mmCIF file of all heavy atoms, coordinates in Angstrom:
data_MODEL
# 
_entry.id   MODEL 
# 
loop_
_atom_site.group_PDB 
_atom_site.id 
_atom_site.type_symbol 
_atom_site.label_atom_id 
_atom_site.label_alt_id 
_atom_site.label_comp_id 
_atom_site.label_asym_id 
_atom_site.label_entity_id 
_atom_site.label_seq_id 
_atom_site.pdbx_PDB_ins_code 
_atom_site.Cartn_x 
_atom_site.Cartn_y 
_atom_site.Cartn_z 
_atom_site.occupancy 
_atom_site.B_iso_or_equiv 
_atom_site.pdbx_formal_charge 
_atom_site.auth_seq_id 
_atom_site.auth_comp_id 
_atom_site.auth_asym_id 
_atom_site.auth_atom_id 
_atom_site.pdbx_PDB_model_num 
ATOM 1   N N   . THR A 1 1  ? 0.829  -1.204 0.013   1.00 0.00 ? 1  THR A N   1 
ATOM 2   C CA  . THR A 1 1  ? 0.058  0.013  -0.009  1.00 0.00 ? 1  THR A CA  1 
ATOM 3   C C   . THR A 1 1  ? 0.859  1.273  0.001   1.00 0.00 ? 1  THR A C   1 
ATOM 4   O O   . THR A 1 1  ? 0.454  2.314  -0.472  1.00 0.00 ? 1  THR A O   1 
ATOM 5   C CB  . THR A 1 1  ? -0.984 0.005  1.178   1.00 0.00 ? 1  THR A CB  1 
ATOM 6   O OG1 . THR A 1 1  ? -0.224 -0.077 2.446   1.00 0.00 ? 1  THR A OG1 1 
ATOM 7   C CG2 . THR A 1 1  ? -1.990 -1.064 1.108   1.00 0.00 ? 1  THR A CG2 1 
ATOM 8   N N   . SER A 1 2  ? 2.110  1.168  0.499   1.00 0.00 ? 2  SER A N   1 
ATOM 9   C CA  . SER A 1 2  ? 2.993  2.277  0.467   1.00 0.00 ? 2  SER A CA  1 
ATOM 10  C C   . SER A 1 2  ? 3.313  2.749  -0.977  1.00 0.00 ? 2  SER A C   1 
ATOM 11  O O   . SER A 1 2  ? 3.218  3.910  -1.298  1.00 0.00 ? 2  SER A O   1 
ATOM 12  C CB  . SER A 1 2  ? 4.344  2.007  1.125   1.00 0.00 ? 2  SER A CB  1 
ATOM 13  O OG  . SER A 1 2  ? 4.159  1.707  2.486   1.00 0.00 ? 2  SER A OG  1 
ATOM 14  N N   . CYS A 1 3  ? 3.560  1.777  -1.890  1.00 0.00 ? 3  CYS A N   1 
ATOM 15  C CA  . CYS A 1 3  ? 3.747  2.067  -3.280  1.00 0.00 ? 3  CYS A CA  1 
ATOM 16  C C   . CYS A 1 3  ? 2.494  2.630  -3.935  1.00 0.00 ? 3  CYS A C   1 
ATOM 17  O O   . CYS A 1 3  ? 2.599  3.555  -4.718  1.00 0.00 ? 3  CYS A O   1 
ATOM 18  C CB  . CYS A 1 3  ? 4.231  0.900  -4.062  1.00 0.00 ? 3  CYS A CB  1 
ATOM 19  S SG  . CYS A 1 3  ? 6.004  0.544  -3.884  1.00 0.00 ? 3  CYS A SG  1 
ATOM 20  N N   . LYS A 1 4  ? 1.332  2.053  -3.608  1.00 0.00 ? 4  LYS A N   1 
ATOM 21  C CA  . LYS A 1 4  ? 0.094  2.545  -4.180  1.00 0.00 ? 4  LYS A CA  1 
ATOM 22  C C   . LYS A 1 4  ? -0.147 4.054  -3.711  1.00 0.00 ? 4  LYS A C   1 
ATOM 23  O O   . LYS A 1 4  ? -0.473 4.874  -4.522  1.00 0.00 ? 4  LYS A O   1 
ATOM 24  C CB  . LYS A 1 4  ? -1.041 1.736  -3.697  1.00 0.00 ? 4  LYS A CB  1 
ATOM 25  C CG  . LYS A 1 4  ? -2.405 2.123  -4.239  1.00 0.00 ? 4  LYS A CG  1 
ATOM 26  C CD  . LYS A 1 4  ? -3.487 1.195  -3.611  1.00 0.00 ? 4  LYS A CD  1 
ATOM 27  C CE  . LYS A 1 4  ? -4.884 1.626  -4.158  1.00 0.00 ? 4  LYS A CE  1 
ATOM 28  N NZ  . LYS A 1 4  ? -5.366 2.822  -3.563  1.00 0.00 ? 4  LYS A NZ  1 
ATOM 29  N N   . GLU A 1 5  ? -0.037 4.275  -2.446  1.00 0.00 ? 5  GLU A N   1 
ATOM 30  C CA  . GLU A 1 5  ? -0.288 5.666  -1.965  1.00 0.00 ? 5  GLU A CA  1 
ATOM 31  C C   . GLU A 1 5  ? 0.771  6.591  -2.506  1.00 0.00 ? 5  GLU A C   1 
ATOM 32  O O   . GLU A 1 5  ? 0.418  7.793  -2.813  1.00 0.00 ? 5  GLU A O   1 
ATOM 33  C CB  . GLU A 1 5  ? -0.268 5.615  -0.412  1.00 0.00 ? 5  GLU A CB  1 
ATOM 34  C CG  . GLU A 1 5  ? -1.487 4.863  0.128   1.00 0.00 ? 5  GLU A CG  1 
ATOM 35  C CD  . GLU A 1 5  ? -1.416 4.677  1.613   1.00 0.00 ? 5  GLU A CD  1 
ATOM 36  O OE1 . GLU A 1 5  ? -0.363 5.041  2.297   1.00 0.00 ? 5  GLU A OE1 1 
ATOM 37  O OE2 . GLU A 1 5  ? -2.350 4.101  2.157   1.00 0.00 ? 5  GLU A OE2 1 
ATOM 38  N N   . PHE A 1 6  ? 1.992  6.216  -2.617  1.00 0.00 ? 6  PHE A N   1 
ATOM 39  C CA  . PHE A 1 6  ? 3.009  7.046  -3.203  1.00 0.00 ? 6  PHE A CA  1 
ATOM 40  C C   . PHE A 1 6  ? 2.647  7.422  -4.638  1.00 0.00 ? 6  PHE A C   1 
ATOM 41  O O   . PHE A 1 6  ? 2.652  8.601  -5.038  1.00 0.00 ? 6  PHE A O   1 
ATOM 42  C CB  . PHE A 1 6  ? 4.413  6.406  -3.220  1.00 0.00 ? 6  PHE A CB  1 
ATOM 43  C CG  . PHE A 1 6  ? 5.389  7.222  -4.017  1.00 0.00 ? 6  PHE A CG  1 
ATOM 44  C CD1 . PHE A 1 6  ? 6.103  8.247  -3.485  1.00 0.00 ? 6  PHE A CD1 1 
ATOM 45  C CD2 . PHE A 1 6  ? 5.585  6.899  -5.411  1.00 0.00 ? 6  PHE A CD2 1 
ATOM 46  C CE1 . PHE A 1 6  ? 6.993  8.985  -4.290  1.00 0.00 ? 6  PHE A CE1 1 
ATOM 47  C CE2 . PHE A 1 6  ? 6.418  7.698  -6.185  1.00 0.00 ? 6  PHE A CE2 1 
ATOM 48  C CZ  . PHE A 1 6  ? 7.135  8.706  -5.599  1.00 0.00 ? 6  PHE A CZ  1 
ATOM 49  N N   . THR A 1 7  ? 2.221  6.418  -5.403  1.00 0.00 ? 7  THR A N   1 
ATOM 50  C CA  . THR A 1 7  ? 1.901  6.651  -6.806  1.00 0.00 ? 7  THR A CA  1 
ATOM 51  C C   . THR A 1 7  ? 0.714  7.635  -6.966  1.00 0.00 ? 7  THR A C   1 
ATOM 52  O O   . THR A 1 7  ? 0.710  8.563  -7.764  1.00 0.00 ? 7  THR A O   1 
ATOM 53  C CB  . THR A 1 7  ? 1.642  5.376  -7.551  1.00 0.00 ? 7  THR A CB  1 
ATOM 54  O OG1 . THR A 1 7  ? 2.800  4.517  -7.443  1.00 0.00 ? 7  THR A OG1 1 
ATOM 55  C CG2 . THR A 1 7  ? 1.350  5.564  -9.052  1.00 0.00 ? 7  THR A CG2 1 
ATOM 56  N N   . GLU A 1 8  ? -0.302 7.424  -6.157  1.00 0.00 ? 8  GLU A N   1 
ATOM 57  C CA  . GLU A 1 8  ? -1.494 8.300  -6.129  1.00 0.00 ? 8  GLU A CA  1 
ATOM 58  C C   . GLU A 1 8  ? -1.085 9.756  -5.782  1.00 0.00 ? 8  GLU A C   1 
ATOM 59  O O   . GLU A 1 8  ? -1.551 10.698 -6.426  1.00 0.00 ? 8  GLU A O   1 
ATOM 60  C CB  . GLU A 1 8  ? -2.496 7.768  -5.202  1.00 0.00 ? 8  GLU A CB  1 
ATOM 61  C CG  . GLU A 1 8  ? -3.179 6.550  -5.643  1.00 0.00 ? 8  GLU A CG  1 
ATOM 62  C CD  . GLU A 1 8  ? -4.074 5.843  -4.571  1.00 0.00 ? 8  GLU A CD  1 
ATOM 63  O OE1 . GLU A 1 8  ? -4.053 6.341  -3.432  1.00 0.00 ? 8  GLU A OE1 1 
ATOM 64  O OE2 . GLU A 1 8  ? -4.804 4.908  -4.919  1.00 0.00 ? 8  GLU A OE2 1 
ATOM 65  N N   . ALA A 1 9  ? -0.232 9.919  -4.784  1.00 0.00 ? 9  ALA A N   1 
ATOM 66  C CA  . ALA A 1 9  ? 0.226  11.260 -4.399  1.00 0.00 ? 9  ALA A CA  1 
ATOM 67  C C   . ALA A 1 9  ? 1.092  11.869 -5.469  1.00 0.00 ? 9  ALA A C   1 
ATOM 68  O O   . ALA A 1 9  ? 0.940  13.125 -5.770  1.00 0.00 ? 9  ALA A O   1 
ATOM 69  C CB  . ALA A 1 9  ? 0.975  11.173 -3.074  1.00 0.00 ? 9  ALA A CB  1 
ATOM 70  N N   . ALA A 1 10 ? 1.954  11.118 -6.162  1.00 0.00 ? 10 ALA A N   1 
ATOM 71  C CA  . ALA A 1 10 ? 2.761  11.642 -7.204  1.00 0.00 ? 10 ALA A CA  1 
ATOM 72  C C   . ALA A 1 10 ? 1.944  12.157 -8.385  1.00 0.00 ? 10 ALA A C   1 
ATOM 73  O O   . ALA A 1 10 ? 2.223  13.186 -8.936  1.00 0.00 ? 10 ALA A O   1 
ATOM 74  C CB  . ALA A 1 10 ? 3.782  10.607 -7.624  1.00 0.00 ? 10 ALA A CB  1 
ATOM 75  N N   . VAL A 1 11 ? 0.927  11.388 -8.713  1.00 0.00 ? 11 VAL A N   1 
ATOM 76  C CA  . VAL A 1 11 ? 0.071  11.818 -9.824  1.00 0.00 ? 11 VAL A CA  1 
ATOM 77  C C   . VAL A 1 11 ? -0.672 13.099 -9.443  1.00 0.00 ? 11 VAL A C   1 
ATOM 78  O O   . VAL A 1 11 ? -0.824 13.976 -10.277 1.00 0.00 ? 11 VAL A O   1 
ATOM 79  C CB  . VAL A 1 11 ? -0.937 10.655 -10.177 1.00 0.00 ? 11 VAL A CB  1 
ATOM 80  C CG1 . VAL A 1 11 ? -1.971 11.117 -11.088 1.00 0.00 ? 11 VAL A CG1 1 
ATOM 81  C CG2 . VAL A 1 11 ? -0.138 9.476  -10.807 1.00 0.00 ? 11 VAL A CG2 1 
ATOM 82  N N   . ALA A 1 12 ? -1.144 13.152 -8.265  1.00 0.00 ? 12 ALA A N   1 
ATOM 83  C CA  . ALA A 1 12 ? -1.885 14.372 -7.809  1.00 0.00 ? 12 ALA A CA  1 
ATOM 84  C C   . ALA A 1 12 ? -0.981 15.583 -7.844  1.00 0.00 ? 12 ALA A C   1 
ATOM 85  O O   . ALA A 1 12 ? -1.378 16.669 -8.272  1.00 0.00 ? 12 ALA A O   1 
ATOM 86  C CB  . ALA A 1 12 ? -2.428 14.179 -6.360  1.00 0.00 ? 12 ALA A CB  1 
ATOM 87  N N   . VAL A 1 13 ? 0.284  15.412 -7.394  1.00 0.00 ? 13 VAL A N   1 
ATOM 88  C CA  . VAL A 1 13 ? 1.228  16.538 -7.406  1.00 0.00 ? 13 VAL A CA  1 
ATOM 89  C C   . VAL A 1 13 ? 1.569  16.935 -8.870  1.00 0.00 ? 13 VAL A C   1 
ATOM 90  O O   . VAL A 1 13 ? 1.629  18.110 -9.219  1.00 0.00 ? 13 VAL A O   1 
ATOM 91  C CB  . VAL A 1 13 ? 2.526  16.164 -6.636  1.00 0.00 ? 13 VAL A CB  1 
ATOM 92  C CG1 . VAL A 1 13 ? 3.661  17.123 -6.943  1.00 0.00 ? 13 VAL A CG1 1 
ATOM 93  C CG2 . VAL A 1 13 ? 2.215  16.163 -5.172  1.00 0.00 ? 13 VAL A CG2 1 
ATOM 94  N N   . ALA A 1 14 ? 1.693  15.922 -9.731  1.00 0.00 ? 14 ALA A N   1 
ATOM 95  C CA  . ALA A 1 14 ? 2.052  16.206 -11.129 1.00 0.00 ? 14 ALA A CA  1 
ATOM 96  C C   . ALA A 1 14 ? 0.894  16.942 -11.845 1.00 0.00 ? 14 ALA A C   1 
ATOM 97  O O   . ALA A 1 14 ? 1.147  17.780 -12.733 1.00 0.00 ? 14 ALA A O   1 
ATOM 98  C CB  . ALA A 1 14 ? 2.358  14.897 -11.900 1.00 0.00 ? 14 ALA A CB  1 
ATOM 99  N N   . ASP A 1 15 ? -0.371 16.672 -11.436 1.00 0.00 ? 15 ASP A N   1 
ATOM 100 C CA  . ASP A 1 15 ? -1.535 17.320 -12.062 1.00 0.00 ? 15 ASP A CA  1 
ATOM 101 C C   . ASP A 1 15 ? -1.796 18.666 -11.462 1.00 0.00 ? 15 ASP A C   1 
ATOM 102 O O   . ASP A 1 15 ? -2.573 19.429 -12.023 1.00 0.00 ? 15 ASP A O   1 
ATOM 103 C CB  . ASP A 1 15 ? -2.775 16.447 -11.902 1.00 0.00 ? 15 ASP A CB  1 
ATOM 104 C CG  . ASP A 1 15 ? -2.718 15.229 -12.853 1.00 0.00 ? 15 ASP A CG  1 
ATOM 105 O OD1 . ASP A 1 15 ? -1.957 15.179 -13.834 1.00 0.00 ? 15 ASP A OD1 1 
ATOM 106 O OD2 . ASP A 1 15 ? -3.486 14.261 -12.567 1.00 0.00 ? 15 ASP A OD2 1 
ATOM 107 N N   . ALA A 1 16 ? -1.206 19.003 -10.298 1.00 0.00 ? 16 ALA A N   1 
ATOM 108 C CA  . ALA A 1 16 ? -1.528 20.267 -9.631  1.00 0.00 ? 16 ALA A CA  1 
ATOM 109 C C   . ALA A 1 16 ? -0.824 21.407 -10.318 1.00 0.00 ? 16 ALA A C   1 
ATOM 110 O O   . ALA A 1 16 ? 0.268  21.339 -10.781 1.00 0.00 ? 16 ALA A O   1 
ATOM 111 C CB  . ALA A 1 16 ? -1.100 20.169 -8.174  1.00 0.00 ? 16 ALA A CB  1 
ATOM 112 N N   . PRO A 1 17 ? -1.484 22.637 -10.310 1.00 0.00 ? 17 PRO A N   1 
ATOM 113 C CA  . PRO A 1 17 ? -0.775 23.824 -10.830 1.00 0.00 ? 17 PRO A CA  1 
ATOM 114 C C   . PRO A 1 17 ? 0.426  24.167 -9.926  1.00 0.00 ? 17 PRO A C   1 
ATOM 115 O O   . PRO A 1 17 ? 0.355  23.898 -8.725  1.00 0.00 ? 17 PRO A O   1 
ATOM 116 C CB  . PRO A 1 17 ? -1.883 24.921 -10.867 1.00 0.00 ? 17 PRO A CB  1 
ATOM 117 C CG  . PRO A 1 17 ? -2.918 24.388 -9.902  1.00 0.00 ? 17 PRO A CG  1 
ATOM 118 C CD  . PRO A 1 17 ? -2.831 22.877 -9.855  1.00 0.00 ? 17 PRO A CD  1 
ATOM 119 N N   . PHE A 1 18 ? 1.414  24.779 -10.462 1.00 0.00 ? 18 PHE A N   1 
ATOM 120 C CA  . PHE A 1 18 ? 2.625  25.058 -9.718  1.00 0.00 ? 18 PHE A CA  1 
ATOM 121 C C   . PHE A 1 18 ? 2.355  26.038 -8.564  1.00 0.00 ? 18 PHE A C   1 
ATOM 122 O O   . PHE A 1 18 ? 1.593  27.019 -8.698  1.00 0.00 ? 18 PHE A O   1 
ATOM 123 C CB  . PHE A 1 18 ? 3.660  25.624 -10.592 1.00 0.00 ? 18 PHE A CB  1 
ATOM 124 C CG  . PHE A 1 18 ? 4.918  26.063 -9.783  1.00 0.00 ? 18 PHE A CG  1 
ATOM 125 C CD1 . PHE A 1 18 ? 5.804  25.083 -9.416  1.00 0.00 ? 18 PHE A CD1 1 
ATOM 126 C CD2 . PHE A 1 18 ? 5.113  27.384 -9.397  1.00 0.00 ? 18 PHE A CD2 1 
ATOM 127 C CE1 . PHE A 1 18 ? 6.910  25.491 -8.644  1.00 0.00 ? 18 PHE A CE1 1 
ATOM 128 C CE2 . PHE A 1 18 ? 6.198  27.723 -8.607  1.00 0.00 ? 18 PHE A CE2 1 
ATOM 129 C CZ  . PHE A 1 18 ? 7.117  26.768 -8.274  1.00 0.00 ? 18 PHE A CZ  1 
ATOM 130 N N   . SER A 1 19 ? 2.856  25.681 -7.399  1.00 0.00 ? 19 SER A N   1 
ATOM 131 C CA  . SER A 1 19 ? 2.886  26.630 -6.255  1.00 0.00 ? 19 SER A CA  1 
ATOM 132 C C   . SER A 1 19 ? 4.077  26.183 -5.399  1.00 0.00 ? 19 SER A C   1 
ATOM 133 O O   . SER A 1 19 ? 4.607  25.122 -5.593  1.00 0.00 ? 19 SER A O   1 
ATOM 134 C CB  . SER A 1 19 ? 1.592  26.552 -5.468  1.00 0.00 ? 19 SER A CB  1 
ATOM 135 O OG  . SER A 1 19 ? 1.460  25.340 -4.820  1.00 0.00 ? 19 SER A OG  1 
ATOM 136 N N   . PHE A 1 20 ? 4.403  27.013 -4.418  1.00 0.00 ? 20 PHE A N   1 
ATOM 137 C CA  . PHE A 1 20 ? 5.496  26.549 -3.533  1.00 0.00 ? 20 PHE A CA  1 
ATOM 138 C C   . PHE A 1 20 ? 5.147  25.395 -2.705  1.00 0.00 ? 20 PHE A C   1 
ATOM 139 O O   . PHE A 1 20 ? 5.987  24.556 -2.366  1.00 0.00 ? 20 PHE A O   1 
ATOM 140 C CB  . PHE A 1 20 ? 6.040  27.782 -2.695  1.00 0.00 ? 20 PHE A CB  1 
ATOM 141 C CG  . PHE A 1 20 ? 6.642  28.841 -3.517  1.00 0.00 ? 20 PHE A CG  1 
ATOM 142 C CD1 . PHE A 1 20 ? 6.035  30.069 -3.745  1.00 0.00 ? 20 PHE A CD1 1 
ATOM 143 C CD2 . PHE A 1 20 ? 7.883  28.554 -4.140  1.00 0.00 ? 20 PHE A CD2 1 
ATOM 144 C CE1 . PHE A 1 20 ? 6.687  31.010 -4.447  1.00 0.00 ? 20 PHE A CE1 1 
ATOM 145 C CE2 . PHE A 1 20 ? 8.483  29.514 -4.934  1.00 0.00 ? 20 PHE A CE2 1 
ATOM 146 C CZ  . PHE A 1 20 ? 7.860  30.745 -5.113  1.00 0.00 ? 20 PHE A CZ  1 
ATOM 147 N N   . ALA A 1 21 ? 3.840  25.275 -2.295  1.00 0.00 ? 21 ALA A N   1 
ATOM 148 C CA  . ALA A 1 21 ? 3.392  24.204 -1.568  1.00 0.00 ? 21 ALA A CA  1 
ATOM 149 C C   . ALA A 1 21 ? 3.492  22.875 -2.359  1.00 0.00 ? 21 ALA A C   1 
ATOM 150 O O   . ALA A 1 21 ? 3.978  21.838 -1.842  1.00 0.00 ? 21 ALA A O   1 
ATOM 151 C CB  . ALA A 1 21 ? 1.967  24.366 -1.060  1.00 0.00 ? 21 ALA A CB  1 
ATOM 152 N N   . VAL A 1 22 ? 3.155  22.954 -3.654  1.00 0.00 ? 22 VAL A N   1 
ATOM 153 C CA  . VAL A 1 22 ? 3.248  21.798 -4.498  1.00 0.00 ? 22 VAL A CA  1 
ATOM 154 C C   . VAL A 1 22 ? 4.709  21.390 -4.722  1.00 0.00 ? 22 VAL A C   1 
ATOM 155 O O   . VAL A 1 22 ? 5.063  20.214 -4.764  1.00 0.00 ? 22 VAL A O   1 
ATOM 156 C CB  . VAL A 1 22 ? 2.534  22.031 -5.838  1.00 0.00 ? 22 VAL A CB  1 
ATOM 157 C CG1 . VAL A 1 22 ? 2.894  20.971 -6.871  1.00 0.00 ? 22 VAL A CG1 1 
ATOM 158 C CG2 . VAL A 1 22 ? 1.056  22.149 -5.660  1.00 0.00 ? 22 VAL A CG2 1 
ATOM 159 N N   . GLU A 1 23 ? 5.578  22.389 -4.832  1.00 0.00 ? 23 GLU A N   1 
ATOM 160 C CA  . GLU A 1 23 ? 6.986  22.145 -5.008  1.00 0.00 ? 23 GLU A CA  1 
ATOM 161 C C   . GLU A 1 23 ? 7.557  21.447 -3.740  1.00 0.00 ? 23 GLU A C   1 
ATOM 162 O O   . GLU A 1 23 ? 8.372  20.513 -3.798  1.00 0.00 ? 23 GLU A O   1 
ATOM 163 C CB  . GLU A 1 23 ? 7.818  23.440 -5.198  1.00 0.00 ? 23 GLU A CB  1 
ATOM 164 C CG  . GLU A 1 23 ? 9.233  23.304 -5.461  1.00 0.00 ? 23 GLU A CG  1 
ATOM 165 C CD  . GLU A 1 23 ? 9.570  22.602 -6.736  1.00 0.00 ? 23 GLU A CD  1 
ATOM 166 O OE1 . GLU A 1 23 ? 8.741  22.557 -7.668  1.00 0.00 ? 23 GLU A OE1 1 
ATOM 167 O OE2 . GLU A 1 23 ? 10.688 22.107 -6.848  1.00 0.00 ? 23 GLU A OE2 1 
ATOM 168 N N   . ARG A 1 24 ? 7.140  21.877 -2.521  1.00 0.00 ? 24 ARG A N   1 
ATOM 169 C CA  . ARG A 1 24 ? 7.552  21.212 -1.288  1.00 0.00 ? 24 ARG A CA  1 
ATOM 170 C C   . ARG A 1 24 ? 7.072  19.796 -1.250  1.00 0.00 ? 24 ARG A C   1 
ATOM 171 O O   . ARG A 1 24 ? 7.773  18.892 -0.819  1.00 0.00 ? 24 ARG A O   1 
ATOM 172 C CB  . ARG A 1 24 ? 7.090  22.030 -0.066  1.00 0.00 ? 24 ARG A CB  1 
ATOM 173 C CG  . ARG A 1 24 ? 7.924  23.210 0.242   1.00 0.00 ? 24 ARG A CG  1 
ATOM 174 C CD  . ARG A 1 24 ? 7.509  23.789 1.640   1.00 0.00 ? 24 ARG A CD  1 
ATOM 175 N NE  . ARG A 1 24 ? 6.123  24.105 1.750   1.00 0.00 ? 24 ARG A NE  1 
ATOM 176 C CZ  . ARG A 1 24 ? 5.597  25.232 1.364   1.00 0.00 ? 24 ARG A CZ  1 
ATOM 177 N NH1 . ARG A 1 24 ? 6.304  26.183 0.766   1.00 0.00 ? 24 ARG A NH1 1 
ATOM 178 N NH2 . ARG A 1 24 ? 4.304  25.469 1.538   1.00 0.00 ? 24 ARG A NH2 1 
ATOM 179 N N   . GLN A 1 25 ? 5.809  19.568 -1.668  1.00 0.00 ? 25 GLN A N   1 
ATOM 180 C CA  . GLN A 1 25 ? 5.264  18.223 -1.719  1.00 0.00 ? 25 GLN A CA  1 
ATOM 181 C C   . GLN A 1 25 ? 6.014  17.362 -2.715  1.00 0.00 ? 25 GLN A C   1 
ATOM 182 O O   . GLN A 1 25 ? 6.304  16.178 -2.409  1.00 0.00 ? 25 GLN A O   1 
ATOM 183 C CB  . GLN A 1 25 ? 3.801  18.281 -2.126  1.00 0.00 ? 25 GLN A CB  1 
ATOM 184 C CG  . GLN A 1 25 ? 3.119  16.921 -2.113  1.00 0.00 ? 25 GLN A CG  1 
ATOM 185 C CD  . GLN A 1 25 ? 2.790  16.398 -0.720  1.00 0.00 ? 25 GLN A CD  1 
ATOM 186 O OE1 . GLN A 1 25 ? 2.926  17.066 0.228   1.00 0.00 ? 25 GLN A OE1 1 
ATOM 187 N NE2 . GLN A 1 25 ? 2.451  15.139 -0.688  1.00 0.00 ? 25 GLN A NE2 1 
ATOM 188 N N   . ALA A 1 26 ? 6.456  17.895 -3.788  1.00 0.00 ? 26 ALA A N   1 
ATOM 189 C CA  . ALA A 1 26 ? 7.253  17.154 -4.815  1.00 0.00 ? 26 ALA A CA  1 
ATOM 190 C C   . ALA A 1 26 ? 8.595  16.732 -4.196  1.00 0.00 ? 26 ALA A C   1 
ATOM 191 O O   . ALA A 1 26 ? 9.053  15.595 -4.368  1.00 0.00 ? 26 ALA A O   1 
ATOM 192 C CB  . ALA A 1 26 ? 7.405  17.893 -6.108  1.00 0.00 ? 26 ALA A CB  1 
ATOM 193 N N   . GLU A 1 27 ? 9.220  17.653 -3.496  1.00 0.00 ? 27 GLU A N   1 
ATOM 194 C CA  . GLU A 1 27 ? 10.515 17.336 -2.833  1.00 0.00 ? 27 GLU A CA  1 
ATOM 195 C C   . GLU A 1 27 ? 10.327 16.308 -1.795  1.00 0.00 ? 27 GLU A C   1 
ATOM 196 O O   . GLU A 1 27 ? 11.159 15.369 -1.656  1.00 0.00 ? 27 GLU A O   1 
ATOM 197 C CB  . GLU A 1 27 ? 11.112 18.625 -2.209  1.00 0.00 ? 27 GLU A CB  1 
ATOM 198 C CG  . GLU A 1 27 ? 11.606 19.603 -3.274  1.00 0.00 ? 27 GLU A CG  1 
ATOM 199 C CD  . GLU A 1 27 ? 12.077 20.884 -2.674  1.00 0.00 ? 27 GLU A CD  1 
ATOM 200 O OE1 . GLU A 1 27 ? 12.217 20.974 -1.389  1.00 0.00 ? 27 GLU A OE1 1 
ATOM 201 O OE2 . GLU A 1 27 ? 12.351 21.797 -3.419  1.00 0.00 ? 27 GLU A OE2 1 
ATOM 202 N N   . TRP A 1 28 ? 9.246  16.381 -0.968  1.00 0.00 ? 28 TRP A N   1 
ATOM 203 C CA  . TRP A 1 28 ? 8.943  15.383 0.055   1.00 0.00 ? 28 TRP A CA  1 
ATOM 204 C C   . TRP A 1 28 ? 8.729  13.998 -0.650  1.00 0.00 ? 28 TRP A C   1 
ATOM 205 O O   . TRP A 1 28 ? 9.286  12.997 -0.187  1.00 0.00 ? 28 TRP A O   1 
ATOM 206 C CB  . TRP A 1 28 ? 7.764  15.788 0.847   1.00 0.00 ? 28 TRP A CB  1 
ATOM 207 C CG  . TRP A 1 28 ? 7.375  14.813 1.913   1.00 0.00 ? 28 TRP A CG  1 
ATOM 208 C CD1 . TRP A 1 28 ? 7.988  14.689 3.155   1.00 0.00 ? 28 TRP A CD1 1 
ATOM 209 C CD2 . TRP A 1 28 ? 6.366  13.816 1.840   1.00 0.00 ? 28 TRP A CD2 1 
ATOM 210 N NE1 . TRP A 1 28 ? 7.359  13.674 3.843   1.00 0.00 ? 28 TRP A NE1 1 
ATOM 211 C CE2 . TRP A 1 28 ? 6.382  13.132 3.036   1.00 0.00 ? 28 TRP A CE2 1 
ATOM 212 C CE3 . TRP A 1 28 ? 5.471  13.420 0.901   1.00 0.00 ? 28 TRP A CE3 1 
ATOM 213 C CZ2 . TRP A 1 28 ? 5.544  12.072 3.340   1.00 0.00 ? 28 TRP A CZ2 1 
ATOM 214 C CZ3 . TRP A 1 28 ? 4.561  12.401 1.144   1.00 0.00 ? 28 TRP A CZ3 1 
ATOM 215 C CH2 . TRP A 1 28 ? 4.626  11.711 2.349   1.00 0.00 ? 28 TRP A CH2 1 
# 
């Protein structure tokens, strides 16, 4: 489930418009 949740979060970040919060999430 760790891989599943990671992939879902990565897709959500990739689809989100750029912001500093999204950039921090991408780094995390």
